[in-house]
């Protein structure tokens, strides 16, 4: 009778506070004090907080006020200045499990520690919610529920296909991923919840990769799979997958599989578009290397030079043609197969390997070979590939790409070869400089002509165009 709990969210007007002020003058009926608990006090209107302030400043000697709120910043500073503040933190998981064990022992319940851990994690630090969940589990399945029954009562049954979809996405198997999504939809699974489980699984992989496996909130059987997958996935790819699958929107149709399918296609097939700008630059062809800034002509002269270059015949500036010398005579004991790749050139060998990428899962591999690497050695049965960027090198060495490249090279060369990888620096091509410089080209644009042997400008008479 002397403890009064009042919901400030539903009693937030000035009239409610006036009624409270009239009741606080009544003396307690059993104890020495009368306690008023105002829950969600931040929901009081500004006028109601001002009306309560007078009572807080001069309360009757037998009254104790307890103001509870989840948003202390929304409470008037004048009210906070007249109160003692206690910030309550969430209960740690080990402490919650210990308390649940005491409750089970007192009530005669039999639950293993793993089940109590599942209940404690779902409560998110609230012991009251944890005990309520324990009561629901026991009500459904009796005093000795199994671990699977506990997860079912808590709604924690994780579809193992969520982790399988994540692995398929990283392997680049688009057809297999779409088939798995179709099977999930045909089984009547909530597509929105399944998508959340995929994101939850990817988050677990990222935490494990970052060395924070103790923060995982997944079932025990899923934790081992997460730790195994984290060893073969790069952090950048995991983050990109989280951003792609985390942005799925099911607001239009919660049972449609299209949003999840689009996310899978975007991750697998449009990997280059989702990569950072610094990574995208690595796929530019080596033939577009720009000259050093110091050698660039002034802006006006550069434009004039461009127009002259377009107007002049292409035969004036000849590009040197590389002549392939005749192959030296080989000794009788030499193996001609070891020099076969050099006949068409290393670049031609890479193009032949790209052409052999016939499987749908080879799309990413073909893109990684496009202008980002070169053959540095083809001695004996070993092919050494040099990659210009460490990102591409790490991507090739991880996952199934290394084994697949060995199969493709063996197929193209007609024998079993061992493929190795290394990091090399890209060599810039030397470009022939135009004769005369940019000033001569600008003069030609303005009508000047070079002098002939007789001192007369070519294409004109003496004294003209000089």
Foldseek 3Di string as FASTA:
>chain_A
DLEAEDECLVQQELVSLVVVVVVQVDADDPDQAREYEYEQNLNHDPNNLVSVLVCLVPPDPRYHYHYHHPCVVSHDPSNVVSDDDDDDDFADLVVLLVVVVVVLVVVVADDDSLLLSLLSVVVVRDSVSSVVLVVQLCVVANRYDDSVSSCVSVVQDQDPVLLVLVVCLLLLVLVVNVVSLVVCLVVVHFLVVSLVSNLLLLVCLLCVLVVNNVPRSHRPVSSVVSNVVNVQDDNVLSVLLNVLSVPQDCVVPRSDSVSVSVSSCCSNPVVLVSDDPVVVVLLDALQPDDDDPVPDDDPVLNVLLVVLVVPDDPVVDDDDDDDDDDDDDDDPVDDVLLCVCPVVHFVVLLVQLLVVQPDSSCNVVSSLSRRFWTFPDRGDQETEIEGADVVSVSSCVGDCNLVSSQVSSCVVSVHRHHYHYYYDHDDHDDDDDDPPDSVVSSLVSVQAADADPVRDGPPDGPPPRD
